[in-house]
Amino acid sequence: MLGLSFGKLLLLAIVVGVVWFGFRYLTGLGQAVRQGQAAGGVNRAARRAPAIEAEDMTACARCGTYVSAAKPSACSRADCPYRR
């Protein structure tokens, strides 16, 4: 009727089993690598450049743009209060 013999069903079961166990094996390898990096290896976060520190900003009284509170810099306006 459908042409499914015992041999074809057995072959299908073997192929499904190989794919299933292969997937589990590769997933296990990925987990082992991630655990090894977390345990003693150098992870990506440690290799990144250090984060830039945050800085307080204040609004300019004349134009409203934000400048550094510690070291304010002048804008291109003639009446900028931060001109020296």
C-alpha atoms as a PDB file:
ATOM      1  CA  MET A   1       0.000   0.000   0.000  1.00  0.00           C
ATOM      2  CA  LEU A   2       2.449   2.708   1.153  1.00  0.00           C
ATOM      3  CA  GLY A   3       5.546   0.697   0.411  1.00  0.00           C
ATOM      4  CA  LEU A   4       6.815   0.778   3.995  1.00  0.00           C
ATOM      5  CA  SER A   5       8.727  -2.356   4.758  1.00  0.00           C
ATOM      6  CA  PHE A   6      10.449  -3.354   7.968  1.00  0.00           C
ATOM      7  CA  GLY A   7      13.846  -2.504   6.464  1.00  0.00           C
ATOM      8  CA  LYS A   8      12.758   1.028   5.561  1.00  0.00           C
ATOM      9  CA  LEU A   9      11.305   1.633   9.017  1.00  0.00           C
ATOM     10  CA  LEU A  10      14.476   0.305  10.633  1.00  0.00           C
ATOM     11  CA  LEU A  11      16.632   2.556   8.442  1.00  0.00           C
ATOM     12  CA  LEU A  12      14.438   5.549   9.297  1.00  0.00           C
ATOM     13  CA  ALA A  13      14.763   4.802  13.020  1.00  0.00           C
ATOM     14  CA  ILE A  14      18.559   4.547  12.695  1.00  0.00           C
ATOM     15  CA  VAL A  15      18.789   7.859  10.815  1.00  0.00           C
ATOM     16  CA  VAL A  16      16.592   9.604  13.406  1.00  0.00           C
ATOM     17  CA  GLY A  17      18.701   8.117  16.220  1.00  0.00           C
ATOM     18  CA  VAL A  18      21.977   9.225  14.617  1.00  0.00           C
ATOM     19  CA  VAL A  19      20.667  12.756  14.144  1.00  0.00           C
ATOM     20  CA  TRP A  20      19.309  12.874  17.717  1.00  0.00           C
ATOM     21  CA  PHE A  21      22.507  11.603  19.354  1.00  0.00           C
ATOM     22  CA  GLY A  22      24.656  13.781  17.093  1.00  0.00           C
ATOM     23  CA  PHE A  23      22.700  16.846  18.177  1.00  0.00           C
ATOM     24  CA  ARG A  24      23.039  15.919  21.846  1.00  0.00           C
ATOM     25  CA  TYR A  25      26.774  15.320  21.395  1.00  0.00           C
ATOM     26  CA  LEU A  26      27.363  18.686  19.723  1.00  0.00           C
ATOM     27  CA  THR A  27      25.211  20.477  22.317  1.00  0.00           C
ATOM     28  CA  GLY A  28      27.201  18.814  25.090  1.00  0.00           C
ATOM     29  CA  LEU A  29      30.456  19.983  23.508  1.00  0.00           C
ATOM     30  CA  GLY A  30      29.148  23.546  23.385  1.00  0.00           C
ATOM     31  CA  GLN A  31      28.166  23.429  27.044  1.00  0.00           C
ATOM     32  CA  ALA A  32      31.546  22.010  28.016  1.00  0.00           C
ATOM     33  CA  VAL A  33      33.330  24.826  26.178  1.00  0.00           C
ATOM     34  CA  ARG A  34      31.145  27.470  27.835  1.00  0.00           C
ATOM     35  CA  GLN A  35      31.688  25.931  31.273  1.00  0.00           C
ATOM     36  CA  GLY A  36      35.437  25.783  30.689  1.00  0.00           C
ATOM     37  CA  GLN A  37      35.530  29.464  29.770  1.00  0.00           C
ATOM     38  CA  ALA A  38      33.441  30.416  32.782  1.00  0.00           C
ATOM     39  CA  ALA A  39      35.509  28.308  35.174  1.00  0.00           C
ATOM     40  CA  GLY A  40      39.054  29.355  34.358  1.00  0.00           C
ATOM     41  CA  GLY A  41      39.401  30.584  30.824  1.00  0.00           C
ATOM     42  CA  VAL A  42      39.335  34.146  29.590  1.00  0.00           C
ATOM     43  CA  ASN A  43      35.837  35.075  28.518  1.00  0.00           C
ATOM     44  CA  ARG A  44      34.856  37.799  26.077  1.00  0.00           C
ATOM     45  CA  ALA A  45      33.826  40.289  28.750  1.00  0.00           C
ATOM     46  CA  ALA A  46      37.323  40.244  30.235  1.00  0.00           C
ATOM     47  CA  ARG A  47      38.920  40.877  26.831  1.00  0.00           C
ATOM     48  CA  ARG A  48      36.805  43.949  26.115  1.00  0.00           C
ATOM     49  CA  ALA A  49      38.119  47.423  26.719  1.00  0.00           C
ATOM     50  CA  PRO A  50      37.191  48.916  30.078  1.00  0.00           C
ATOM     51  CA  ALA A  51      33.939  50.841  30.166  1.00  0.00           C
ATOM     52  CA  ILE A  52      33.984  54.617  29.966  1.00  0.00           C
ATOM     53  CA  GLU A  53      33.122  56.308  33.234  1.00  0.00           C
ATOM     54  CA  ALA A  54      29.940  58.395  33.346  1.00  0.00           C
ATOM     55  CA  GLU A  55      30.265  62.152  33.497  1.00  0.00           C
ATOM     56  CA  ASP A  56      27.955  64.814  34.946  1.00  0.00           C
ATOM     57  CA  MET A  57      26.572  67.269  32.404  1.00  0.00           C
ATOM     58  CA  THR A  58      25.049  70.704  32.866  1.00  0.00           C
ATOM     59  CA  ALA A  59      22.904  72.734  30.488  1.00  0.00           C
ATOM     60  CA  CYS A  60      24.316  75.945  29.058  1.00  0.00           C
ATOM     61  CA  ALA A  61      22.366  78.995  30.280  1.00  0.00           C
ATOM     62  CA  ARG A  62      22.442  80.639  26.836  1.00  0.00           C
ATOM     63  CA  CYS A  63      21.879  77.915  24.224  1.00  0.00           C
ATOM     64  CA  GLY A  64      20.678  74.920  26.284  1.00  0.00           C
ATOM     65  CA  THR A  65      23.247  72.418  25.022  1.00  0.00           C
ATOM     66  CA  TYR A  66      24.768  70.104  27.590  1.00  0.00           C
ATOM     67  CA  VAL A  67      28.439  70.487  28.468  1.00  0.00           C
ATOM     68  CA  SER A  68      30.703  68.676  30.895  1.00  0.00           C
ATOM     69  CA  ALA A  69      30.310  69.905  34.463  1.00  0.00           C
ATOM     70  CA  ALA A  70      33.987  69.248  35.270  1.00  0.00           C
ATOM     71  CA  LYS A  71      35.532  70.736  32.094  1.00  0.00           C
ATOM     72  CA  PRO A  72      32.961  72.765  30.145  1.00  0.00           C
ATOM     73  CA  SER A  73      33.909  73.707  26.596  1.00  0.00           C
ATOM     74  CA  ALA A  74      32.687  76.720  24.670  1.00  0.00           C
ATOM     75  CA  CYS A  75      30.338  76.490  21.720  1.00  0.00           C
ATOM     76  CA  SER A  76      30.496  78.672  18.597  1.00  0.00           C
ATOM     77  CA  ARG A  77      28.170  81.374  20.003  1.00  0.00           C
ATOM     78  CA  ALA A  78      29.679  84.759  20.839  1.00  0.00           C
ATOM     79  CA  ASP A  79      27.749  85.030  24.097  1.00  0.00           C
ATOM     80  CA  CYS A  80      28.756  81.603  25.408  1.00  0.00           C
ATOM     81  CA  PRO A  81      29.421  81.794  29.166  1.00  0.00           C
ATOM     82  CA  TYR A  82      32.204  79.192  28.874  1.00  0.00           C
ATOM     83  CA  ARG A  83      34.412  81.266  26.526  1.00  0.00           C
ATOM     84  CA  ARG A  84      37.767  82.173  27.995  1.00  0.00           C
END
